[in-house]
Amino acid sequence: MEAARQANLEPRRLSFSRVQAVVMTAVPRLATTTDATQWEAEYQQVLRWAAQGKLPNRSRQRSYQRVVWGRGATFPSHPRPPSASAPDEKGPPS
C-alpha cells in the first residue's frame, strides 16, 4: 500500500504480479543489509519499482460481472458391481 500511496494511486491500480515479483526479488537483499540507512534506501527503491507496475486505465466496465463459482456437480451414486477379488459365497472350487 505504501507504493500506491507514494504514486498517488489506489492500491488496486497496481499490478499484483508486478509488485509480487519486485518484492520477491528484493527480499534477499533487504534481509542481508545490516546498515539501517542502507536498508531504508533499498526499501525506498523497492517501493519506487513497485509503483511503476501501474495497470492501464480501463475505458469501460466489464462486459460480464464477477461471480463466485458454485459447487461443482458430483458424480451420480450407483451400486457397484461385485469385484472379481471378492470371495464367492459358494466356497472354493471342487
PDB file of N, CA and C in Angstrom:
ATOM      1  N   MET A   1       0.811  -1.185   0.000  1.00  0.00           N
ATOM      2  CA  MET A   1       0.000   0.000   0.000  1.00  0.00           C
ATOM      3  C   MET A   1       0.857   1.253   0.000  1.00  0.00           C
ATOM      4  N   GLU A   2       2.020   1.125   0.585  1.00  0.00           N
ATOM      5  CA  GLU A   2       2.907   2.290   0.644  1.00  0.00           C
ATOM      6  C   GLU A   2       3.342   2.717  -0.754  1.00  0.00           C
ATOM      7  N   ALA A   3       3.600   1.751  -1.635  1.00  0.00           N
ATOM      8  CA  ALA A   3       3.997   2.087  -3.005  1.00  0.00           C
ATOM      9  C   ALA A   3       2.873   2.816  -3.716  1.00  0.00           C
ATOM     10  N   ALA A   4       1.636   2.374  -3.522  1.00  0.00           N
ATOM     11  CA  ALA A   4       0.493   3.047  -4.143  1.00  0.00           C
ATOM     12  C   ALA A   4       0.318   4.449  -3.579  1.00  0.00           C
ATOM     13  N   ARG A   5       0.530   4.588  -2.278  1.00  0.00           N
ATOM     14  CA  ARG A   5       0.391   5.901  -1.652  1.00  0.00           C
ATOM     15  C   ARG A   5       1.439   6.867  -2.203  1.00  0.00           C
ATOM     16  N   GLN A   6       2.675   6.396  -2.375  1.00  0.00           N
ATOM     17  CA  GLN A   6       3.724   7.271  -2.906  1.00  0.00           C
ATOM     18  C   GLN A   6       3.463   7.650  -4.357  1.00  0.00           C
ATOM     19  N   ALA A   7       2.787   6.778  -5.102  1.00  0.00           N
ATOM     20  CA  ALA A   7       2.491   7.062  -6.503  1.00  0.00           C
ATOM     21  C   ALA A   7       1.133   7.750  -6.669  1.00  0.00           C
ATOM     22  N   ASN A   8       0.459   8.077  -5.568  1.00  0.00           N
ATOM     23  CA  ASN A   8      -0.866   8.705  -5.585  1.00  0.00           C
ATOM     24  C   ASN A   8      -1.870   7.864  -6.371  1.00  0.00           C
ATOM     25  N   LEU A   9      -1.880   6.564  -6.094  1.00  0.00           N
ATOM     26  CA  LEU A   9      -2.787   5.630  -6.741  1.00  0.00           C
ATOM     27  C   LEU A   9      -3.536   4.838  -5.695  1.00  0.00           C
ATOM     28  N   GLU A  10      -4.687   4.291  -6.112  1.00  0.00           N
ATOM     29  CA  GLU A  10      -5.368   3.330  -5.257  1.00  0.00           C
ATOM     30  C   GLU A  10      -4.568   2.027  -5.328  1.00  0.00           C
ATOM     31  N   PRO A  11      -4.521   1.258  -4.259  1.00  0.00           N
ATOM     32  CA  PRO A  11      -3.737   0.016  -4.285  1.00  0.00           C
ATOM     33  C   PRO A  11      -4.164  -0.953  -5.389  1.00  0.00           C
ATOM     34  N   ARG A  12      -5.446  -0.980  -5.757  1.00  0.00           N
ATOM     35  CA  ARG A  12      -5.904  -1.893  -6.802  1.00  0.00           C
ATOM     36  C   ARG A  12      -5.451  -1.465  -8.192  1.00  0.00           C
ATOM     37  N   ARG A  13      -4.885  -0.293  -8.317  1.00  0.00           N
ATOM     38  CA  ARG A  13      -4.390   0.173  -9.617  1.00  0.00           C
ATOM     39  C   ARG A  13      -2.987  -0.362  -9.917  1.00  0.00           C
ATOM     40  N   LEU A  14      -2.368  -1.033  -8.944  1.00  0.00           N
ATOM     41  CA  LEU A  14      -1.050  -1.621  -9.167  1.00  0.00           C
ATOM     42  C   LEU A  14      -1.211  -3.096  -9.526  1.00  0.00           C
ATOM     43  N   SER A  15      -0.346  -3.560 -10.400  1.00  0.00           N
ATOM     44  CA  SER A  15      -0.364  -4.952 -10.808  1.00  0.00           C
ATOM     45  C   SER A  15       0.156  -5.825  -9.671  1.00  0.00           C
ATOM     46  N   PHE A  16      -0.676  -6.755  -9.224  1.00  0.00           N
ATOM     47  CA  PHE A  16      -0.270  -7.646  -8.144  1.00  0.00           C
ATOM     48  C   PHE A  16       0.953  -8.462  -8.548  1.00  0.00           C
ATOM     49  N   SER A  17       0.941  -8.984  -9.773  1.00  0.00           N
ATOM     50  CA  SER A  17       2.052  -9.820 -10.230  1.00  0.00           C
ATOM     51  C   SER A  17       3.355  -9.042 -10.268  1.00  0.00           C
ATOM     52  N   ARG A  18       3.287  -7.823 -10.725  1.00  0.00           N
ATOM     53  CA  ARG A  18       4.489  -6.985 -10.798  1.00  0.00           C
ATOM     54  C   ARG A  18       5.024  -6.681  -9.400  1.00  0.00           C
ATOM     55  N   VAL A  19       4.136  -6.289  -8.497  1.00  0.00           N
ATOM     56  CA  VAL A  19       4.568  -5.960  -7.137  1.00  0.00           C
ATOM     57  C   VAL A  19       5.119  -7.205  -6.446  1.00  0.00           C
ATOM     58  N   GLN A  20       4.475  -8.348  -6.644  1.00  0.00           N
ATOM     59  CA  GLN A  20       4.966  -9.579  -6.045  1.00  0.00           C
ATOM     60  C   GLN A  20       6.360  -9.928  -6.562  1.00  0.00           C
ATOM     61  N   ALA A  21       6.581  -9.773  -7.855  1.00  0.00           N
ATOM     62  CA  ALA A  21       7.893 -10.072  -8.427  1.00  0.00           C
ATOM     63  C   ALA A  21       8.962  -9.135  -7.869  1.00  0.00           C
ATOM     64  N   VAL A  22       8.636  -7.863  -7.739  1.00  0.00           N
ATOM     65  CA  VAL A  22       9.589  -6.890  -7.186  1.00  0.00           C
ATOM     66  C   VAL A  22       9.934  -7.247  -5.746  1.00  0.00           C
ATOM     67  N   VAL A  23       8.922  -7.568  -4.962  1.00  0.00           N
ATOM     68  CA  VAL A  23       9.153  -7.885  -3.549  1.00  0.00           C
ATOM     69  C   VAL A  23       9.963  -9.171  -3.414  1.00  0.00           C
ATOM     70  N   MET A  24       9.596 -10.201  -4.166  1.00  0.00           N
ATOM     71  CA  MET A  24      10.315 -11.470  -4.069  1.00  0.00           C
ATOM     72  C   MET A  24      11.776 -11.327  -4.512  1.00  0.00           C
ATOM     73  N   THR A  25      12.025 -10.424  -5.445  1.00  0.00           N
ATOM     74  CA  THR A  25      13.396 -10.180  -5.886  1.00  0.00           C
ATOM     75  C   THR A  25      14.183  -9.397  -4.840  1.00  0.00           C
ATOM     76  N   ALA A  26      13.535  -8.494  -4.142  1.00  0.00           N
ATOM     77  CA  ALA A  26      14.232  -7.602  -3.219  1.00  0.00           C
ATOM     78  C   ALA A  26      14.395  -8.166  -1.813  1.00  0.00           C
ATOM     79  N   VAL A  27      13.582  -9.130  -1.428  1.00  0.00           N
ATOM     80  CA  VAL A  27      13.629  -9.635  -0.053  1.00  0.00           C
ATOM     81  C   VAL A  27      15.005 -10.171   0.338  1.00  0.00           C
ATOM     82  N   PRO A  28      15.672 -10.980  -0.483  1.00  0.00           N
ATOM     83  CA  PRO A  28      17.002 -11.462  -0.047  1.00  0.00           C
ATOM     84  C   PRO A  28      18.000 -10.326   0.190  1.00  0.00           C
ATOM     85  N   ARG A  29      17.961  -9.334  -0.655  1.00  0.00           N
ATOM     86  CA  ARG A  29      18.897  -8.215  -0.490  1.00  0.00           C
ATOM     87  C   ARG A  29      18.563  -7.406   0.764  1.00  0.00           C
ATOM     88  N   LEU A  30      17.279  -7.192   1.027  1.00  0.00           N
ATOM     89  CA  LEU A  30      16.888  -6.456   2.230  1.00  0.00           C
ATOM     90  C   LEU A  30      17.218  -7.264   3.491  1.00  0.00           C
ATOM     91  N   ALA A  31      17.105  -8.593   3.398  1.00  0.00           N
ATOM     92  CA  ALA A  31      17.374  -9.428   4.567  1.00  0.00           C
ATOM     93  C   ALA A  31      18.848  -9.430   4.949  1.00  0.00           C
ATOM     94  N   THR A  32      19.727  -9.221   3.987  1.00  0.00           N
ATOM     95  CA  THR A  32      21.162  -9.269   4.278  1.00  0.00           C
ATOM     96  C   THR A  32      21.763  -7.901   4.577  1.00  0.00           C
ATOM     97  N   THR A  33      20.998  -6.847   4.388  1.00  0.00           N
ATOM     98  CA  THR A  33      21.504  -5.495   4.661  1.00  0.00           C
ATOM     99  C   THR A  33      21.486  -5.246   6.158  1.00  0.00           C
ATOM    100  N   THR A  34      22.636  -4.833   6.714  1.00  0.00           N
ATOM    101  CA  THR A  34      22.739  -4.619   8.160  1.00  0.00           C
ATOM    102  C   THR A  34      22.664  -3.142   8.537  1.00  0.00           C
ATOM    103  N   ASP A  35      23.081  -2.265   7.667  1.00  0.00           N
ATOM    104  CA  ASP A  35      23.080  -0.830   7.959  1.00  0.00           C
ATOM    105  C   ASP A  35      21.660  -0.280   7.788  1.00  0.00           C
ATOM    106  N   ALA A  36      21.164   0.441   8.784  1.00  0.00           N
ATOM    107  CA  ALA A  36      19.788   0.943   8.766  1.00  0.00           C
ATOM    108  C   ALA A  36      19.562   1.953   7.636  1.00  0.00           C
ATOM    109  N   THR A  37      20.534   2.830   7.393  1.00  0.00           N
ATOM    110  CA  THR A  37      20.348   3.828   6.331  1.00  0.00           C
ATOM    111  C   THR A  37      20.380   3.160   4.955  1.00  0.00           C
ATOM    112  N   GLN A  38      21.237   2.162   4.804  1.00  0.00           N
ATOM    113  CA  GLN A  38      21.290   1.423   3.533  1.00  0.00           C
ATOM    114  C   GLN A  38      19.989   0.640   3.323  1.00  0.00           C
ATOM    115  N   TRP A  39      19.466   0.038   4.412  1.00  0.00           N
ATOM    116  CA  TRP A  39      18.218  -0.714   4.318  1.00  0.00           C
ATOM    117  C   TRP A  39      17.072   0.206   3.902  1.00  0.00           C
ATOM    118  N   GLU A  40      16.999   1.384   4.491  1.00  0.00           N
ATOM    119  CA  GLU A  40      15.939   2.334   4.161  1.00  0.00           C
ATOM    120  C   GLU A  40      16.039   2.782   2.702  1.00  0.00           C
ATOM    121  N   ALA A  41      17.266   3.007   2.222  1.00  0.00           N
ATOM    122  CA  ALA A  41      17.460   3.395   0.821  1.00  0.00           C
ATOM    123  C   ALA A  41      17.014   2.273  -0.116  1.00  0.00           C
ATOM    124  N   GLU A  42      17.368   1.028   0.219  1.00  0.00           N
ATOM    125  CA  GLU A  42      16.936  -0.120  -0.591  1.00  0.00           C
ATOM    126  C   GLU A  42      15.423  -0.261  -0.566  1.00  0.00           C
ATOM    127  N   TYR A  43      14.827  -0.085   0.605  1.00  0.00           N
ATOM    128  CA  TYR A  43      13.375  -0.192   0.749  1.00  0.00           C
ATOM    129  C   TYR A  43      12.657   0.860  -0.094  1.00  0.00           C
ATOM    130  N   GLN A  44      13.146   2.081  -0.083  1.00  0.00           N
ATOM    131  CA  GLN A  44      12.542   3.139  -0.894  1.00  0.00           C
ATOM    132  C   GLN A  44      12.676   2.824  -2.383  1.00  0.00           C
ATOM    133  N   GLN A  45      13.791   2.220  -2.782  1.00  0.00           N
ATOM    134  CA  GLN A  45      13.978   1.821  -4.184  1.00  0.00           C
ATOM    135  C   GLN A  45      12.968   0.739  -4.557  1.00  0.00           C
ATOM    136  N   VAL A  46      12.730  -0.209  -3.666  1.00  0.00           N
ATOM    137  CA  VAL A  46      11.743  -1.267  -3.915  1.00  0.00           C
ATOM    138  C   VAL A  46      10.355  -0.655  -4.080  1.00  0.00           C
ATOM    139  N   LEU A  47      10.011   0.305  -3.245  1.00  0.00           N
ATOM    140  CA  LEU A  47       8.706   0.970  -3.365  1.00  0.00           C
ATOM    141  C   LEU A  47       8.577   1.699  -4.702  1.00  0.00           C
ATOM    142  N   ARG A  48       9.648   2.345  -5.152  1.00  0.00           N
ATOM    143  CA  ARG A  48       9.597   3.033  -6.454  1.00  0.00           C
ATOM    144  C   ARG A  48       9.410   2.038  -7.587  1.00  0.00           C
ATOM    145  N   TRP A  49      10.121   0.901  -7.521  1.00  0.00           N
ATOM    146  CA  TRP A  49       9.970  -0.120  -8.558  1.00  0.00           C
ATOM    147  C   TRP A  49       8.550  -0.693  -8.548  1.00  0.00           C
ATOM    148  N   ALA A  50       8.010  -0.921  -7.358  1.00  0.00           N
ATOM    149  CA  ALA A  50       6.655  -1.464  -7.260  1.00  0.00           C
ATOM    150  C   ALA A  50       5.628  -0.478  -7.794  1.00  0.00           C
ATOM    151  N   ALA A  51       5.846   0.810  -7.570  1.00  0.00           N
ATOM    152  CA  ALA A  51       4.900   1.826  -8.039  1.00  0.00           C
ATOM    153  C   ALA A  51       4.899   1.953  -9.554  1.00  0.00           C
ATOM    154  N   GLN A  52       5.932   1.440 -10.214  1.00  0.00           N
ATOM    155  CA  GLN A  52       5.974   1.501 -11.675  1.00  0.00           C
ATOM    156  C   GLN A  52       5.062   0.456 -12.323  1.00  0.00           C
ATOM    157  N   GLY A  53       4.519  -0.466 -11.542  1.00  0.00           N
ATOM    158  CA  GLY A  53       3.664  -1.518 -12.085  1.00  0.00           C
ATOM    159  C   GLY A  53       2.212  -1.109 -12.163  1.00  0.00           C
ATOM    160  N   LYS A  54       1.942   0.091 -12.637  1.00  0.00           N
ATOM    161  CA  LYS A  54       0.578   0.604 -12.722  1.00  0.00           C
ATOM    162  C   LYS A  54      -0.179  -0.111 -13.837  1.00  0.00           C
ATOM    163  N   LEU A  55      -1.407  -0.475 -13.539  1.00  0.00           N
ATOM    164  CA  LEU A  55      -2.266  -1.096 -14.544  1.00  0.00           C
ATOM    165  C   LEU A  55      -2.777  -0.034 -15.516  1.00  0.00           C
ATOM    166  N   PRO A  56      -3.109  -0.410 -16.753  1.00  0.00           N
ATOM    167  CA  PRO A  56      -3.633   0.580 -17.703  1.00  0.00           C
ATOM    168  C   PRO A  56      -5.029   1.046 -17.305  1.00  0.00           C
ATOM    169  N   ASN A  57      -5.365   2.244 -17.743  1.00  0.00           N
ATOM    170  CA  ASN A  57      -6.706   2.766 -17.495  1.00  0.00           C
ATOM    171  C   ASN A  57      -7.712   1.982 -18.331  1.00  0.00           C
ATOM    172  N   ARG A  58      -8.791   1.592 -17.712  1.00  0.00           N
ATOM    173  CA  ARG A  58      -9.837   0.855 -18.424  1.00  0.00           C
ATOM    174  C   ARG A  58     -10.863   1.852 -18.936  1.00  0.00           C
ATOM    175  N   SER A  59     -11.234   1.712 -20.196  1.00  0.00           N
ATOM    176  CA  SER A  59     -12.144   2.679 -20.808  1.00  0.00           C
ATOM    177  C   SER A  59     -13.601   2.403 -20.474  1.00  0.00           C
ATOM    178  N   ARG A  60     -13.934   1.169 -20.173  1.00  0.00           N
ATOM    179  CA  ARG A  60     -15.333   0.855 -19.885  1.00  0.00           C
ATOM    180  C   ARG A  60     -15.412  -0.256 -18.851  1.00  0.00           C
ATOM    181  N   GLN A  61     -16.632  -0.516 -18.398  1.00  0.00           N
ATOM    182  CA  GLN A  61     -16.868  -1.567 -17.417  1.00  0.00           C
ATOM    183  C   GLN A  61     -16.691  -2.938 -18.056  1.00  0.00           C
ATOM    184  N   ARG A  62     -16.605  -3.943 -17.239  1.00  0.00           N
ATOM    185  CA  ARG A  62     -16.525  -5.303 -17.742  1.00  0.00           C
ATOM    186  C   ARG A  62     -17.808  -5.651 -18.498  1.00  0.00           C
ATOM    187  N   SER A  63     -17.677  -6.510 -19.479  1.00  0.00           N
ATOM    188  CA  SER A  63     -18.866  -6.952 -20.200  1.00  0.00           C
ATOM    189  C   SER A  63     -19.583  -8.056 -19.435  1.00  0.00           C
ATOM    190  N   TYR A  64     -18.983  -8.561 -18.387  1.00  0.00           N
ATOM    191  CA  TYR A  64     -19.585  -9.594 -17.554  1.00  0.00           C
ATOM    192  C   TYR A  64     -19.302  -9.256 -16.099  1.00  0.00           C
ATOM    193  N   GLN A  65     -20.166  -9.675 -15.240  1.00  0.00           N
ATOM    194  CA  GLN A  65     -19.984  -9.420 -13.819  1.00  0.00           C
ATOM    195  C   GLN A  65     -19.111 -10.507 -13.208  1.00  0.00           C
ATOM    196  N   ARG A  66     -18.346 -10.142 -12.201  1.00  0.00           N
ATOM    197  CA  ARG A  66     -17.584 -11.147 -11.468  1.00  0.00           C
ATOM    198  C   ARG A  66     -18.549 -11.893 -10.558  1.00  0.00           C
ATOM    199  N   VAL A  67     -18.461 -13.192 -10.573  1.00  0.00           N
ATOM    200  CA  VAL A  67     -19.309 -14.012  -9.714  1.00  0.00           C
ATOM    201  C   VAL A  67     -18.465 -15.095  -9.064  1.00  0.00           C
ATOM    202  N   VAL A  68     -18.967 -15.605  -7.978  1.00  0.00           N
ATOM    203  CA  VAL A  68     -18.313 -16.720  -7.308  1.00  0.00           C
ATOM    204  C   VAL A  68     -18.854 -17.998  -7.926  1.00  0.00           C
ATOM    205  N   TRP A  69     -17.972 -18.895  -8.277  1.00  0.00           N
ATOM    206  CA  TRP A  69     -18.405 -20.149  -8.868  1.00  0.00           C
ATOM    207  C   TRP A  69     -19.118 -20.977  -7.813  1.00  0.00           C
ATOM    208  N   GLY A  70     -20.159 -21.667  -8.232  1.00  0.00           N
ATOM    209  CA  GLY A  70     -20.868 -22.559  -7.328  1.00  0.00           C
ATOM    210  C   GLY A  70     -20.104 -23.860  -7.146  1.00  0.00           C
ATOM    211  N   ARG A  71     -20.665 -24.725  -6.345  1.00  0.00           N
ATOM    212  CA  ARG A  71     -20.040 -26.031  -6.154  1.00  0.00           C
ATOM    213  C   ARG A  71     -20.226 -26.849  -7.408  1.00  0.00           C
ATOM    214  N   GLY A  72     -19.263 -27.600  -7.773  1.00  0.00           N
ATOM    215  CA  GLY A  72     -19.330 -28.429  -8.966  1.00  0.00           C
ATOM    216  C   GLY A  72     -20.305 -29.580  -8.798  1.00  0.00           C
ATOM    217  N   ALA A  73     -20.695 -30.167  -9.906  1.00  0.00           N
ATOM    218  CA  ALA A  73     -21.595 -31.304  -9.872  1.00  0.00           C
ATOM    219  C   ALA A  73     -20.847 -32.519  -9.326  1.00  0.00           C
ATOM    220  N   THR A  74     -21.583 -33.414  -8.707  1.00  0.00           N
ATOM    221  CA  THR A  74     -20.976 -34.635  -8.194  1.00  0.00           C
ATOM    222  C   THR A  74     -21.367 -35.793  -9.098  1.00  0.00           C
ATOM    223  N   PHE A  75     -20.567 -36.823  -9.060  1.00  0.00           N
ATOM    224  CA  PHE A  75     -20.892 -37.998  -9.855  1.00  0.00           C
ATOM    225  C   PHE A  75     -22.123 -38.670  -9.259  1.00  0.00           C
ATOM    226  N   PRO A  76     -22.998 -39.215 -10.089  1.00  0.00           N
ATOM    227  CA  PRO A  76     -24.170 -39.883  -9.533  1.00  0.00           C
ATOM    228  C   PRO A  76     -23.749 -41.150  -8.790  1.00  0.00           C
ATOM    229  N   SER A  77     -24.428 -41.413  -7.696  1.00  0.00           N
ATOM    230  CA  SER A  77     -24.101 -42.622  -6.950  1.00  0.00           C
ATOM    231  C   SER A  77     -24.918 -43.777  -7.512  1.00  0.00           C
ATOM    232  N   HIS A  78     -24.308 -44.915  -7.642  1.00  0.00           N
ATOM    233  CA  HIS A  78     -24.996 -46.103  -8.138  1.00  0.00           C
ATOM    234  C   HIS A  78     -24.346 -47.324  -7.497  1.00  0.00           C
ATOM    235  N   PRO A  79     -25.067 -48.422  -7.441  1.00  0.00           N
ATOM    236  CA  PRO A  79     -24.482 -49.602  -6.802  1.00  0.00           C
ATOM    237  C   PRO A  79     -23.296 -50.112  -7.605  1.00  0.00           C
ATOM    238  N   ARG A  80     -22.291 -50.523  -6.918  1.00  0.00           N
ATOM    239  CA  ARG A  80     -21.092 -51.034  -7.567  1.00  0.00           C
ATOM    240  C   ARG A  80     -21.262 -52.527  -7.864  1.00  0.00           C
ATOM    241  N   PRO A  81     -20.769 -52.968  -9.010  1.00  0.00           N
ATOM    242  CA  PRO A  81     -20.819 -54.407  -9.293  1.00  0.00           C
ATOM    243  C   PRO A  81     -19.828 -55.131  -8.382  1.00  0.00           C
ATOM    244  N   PRO A  82     -20.098 -56.389  -8.058  1.00  0.00           N
ATOM    245  CA  PRO A  82     -19.156 -57.107  -7.198  1.00  0.00           C
ATOM    246  C   PRO A  82     -17.807 -57.230  -7.888  1.00  0.00           C
ATOM    247  N   SER A  83     -16.751 -57.044  -7.128  1.00  0.00           N
ATOM    248  CA  SER A  83     -15.411 -57.089  -7.722  1.00  0.00           C
ATOM    249  C   SER A  83     -14.967 -58.532  -7.918  1.00  0.00           C
ATOM    250  N   ALA A  84     -14.028 -58.749  -8.798  1.00  0.00           N
ATOM    251  CA  ALA A  84     -13.531 -60.083  -9.107  1.00  0.00           C
ATOM    252  C   ALA A  84     -12.738 -60.652  -7.940  1.00  0.00           C
ATOM    253  N   SER A  85     -12.174 -59.819  -7.082  1.00  0.00           N
ATOM    254  CA  SER A  85     -11.360 -60.294  -5.989  1.00  0.00           C
ATOM    255  C   SER A  85     -12.193 -60.651  -4.751  1.00  0.00           C
ATOM    256  N   ALA A  86     -13.479 -60.364  -4.761  1.00  0.00           N
ATOM    257  CA  ALA A  86     -14.333 -60.687  -3.618  1.00  0.00           C
ATOM    258  C   ALA A  86     -14.577 -62.198  -3.587  1.00  0.00           C
ATOM    259  N   PRO A  87     -14.558 -62.800  -2.409  1.00  0.00           N
ATOM    260  CA  PRO A  87     -14.775 -64.243  -2.326  1.00  0.00           C
ATOM    261  C   PRO A  87     -16.209 -64.610  -2.718  1.00  0.00           C
ATOM    262  N   ASP A  88     -16.352 -65.731  -3.395  1.00  0.00           N
ATOM    263  CA  ASP A  88     -17.668 -66.212  -3.780  1.00  0.00           C
ATOM    264  C   ASP A  88     -18.378 -66.770  -2.557  1.00  0.00           C
ATOM    265  N   GLU A  89     -19.694 -66.731  -2.594  1.00  0.00           N
ATOM    266  CA  GLU A  89     -20.468 -67.281  -1.495  1.00  0.00           C
ATOM    267  C   GLU A  89     -20.553 -68.803  -1.601  1.00  0.00           C
ATOM    268  N   LYS A  90     -20.230 -69.371  -2.759  1.00  0.00           N
ATOM    269  CA  LYS A  90     -20.334 -70.797  -2.969  1.00  0.00           C
ATOM    270  C   LYS A  90     -19.185 -71.539  -2.279  1.00  0.00           C
ATOM    271  N   GLY A  91     -18.096 -70.905  -2.054  1.00  0.00           N
ATOM    272  CA  GLY A  91     -16.956 -71.566  -1.469  1.00  0.00           C
ATOM    273  C   GLY A  91     -15.904 -71.851  -2.511  1.00  0.00           C
ATOM    274  N   PRO A  92     -14.845 -72.594  -2.146  1.00  0.00           N
ATOM    275  CA  PRO A  92     -13.760 -72.875  -3.086  1.00  0.00           C
ATOM    276  C   PRO A  92     -14.225 -73.858  -4.157  1.00  0.00           C
ATOM    277  N   PRO A  93     -13.592 -73.831  -5.337  1.00  0.00           N
ATOM    278  CA  PRO A  93     -13.999 -74.765  -6.410  1.00  0.00           C
ATOM    279  C   PRO A  93     -13.666 -76.205  -6.016  1.00  0.00           C
ATOM    280  N   SER A  94     -14.531 -77.148  -6.474  1.00  0.00           N
ATOM    281  CA  SER A  94     -14.291 -78.555  -6.132  1.00  0.00           C
ATOM    282  C   SER A  94     -13.860 -79.362  -7.307  1.00  0.00           C
TER     283      SER A  94
END
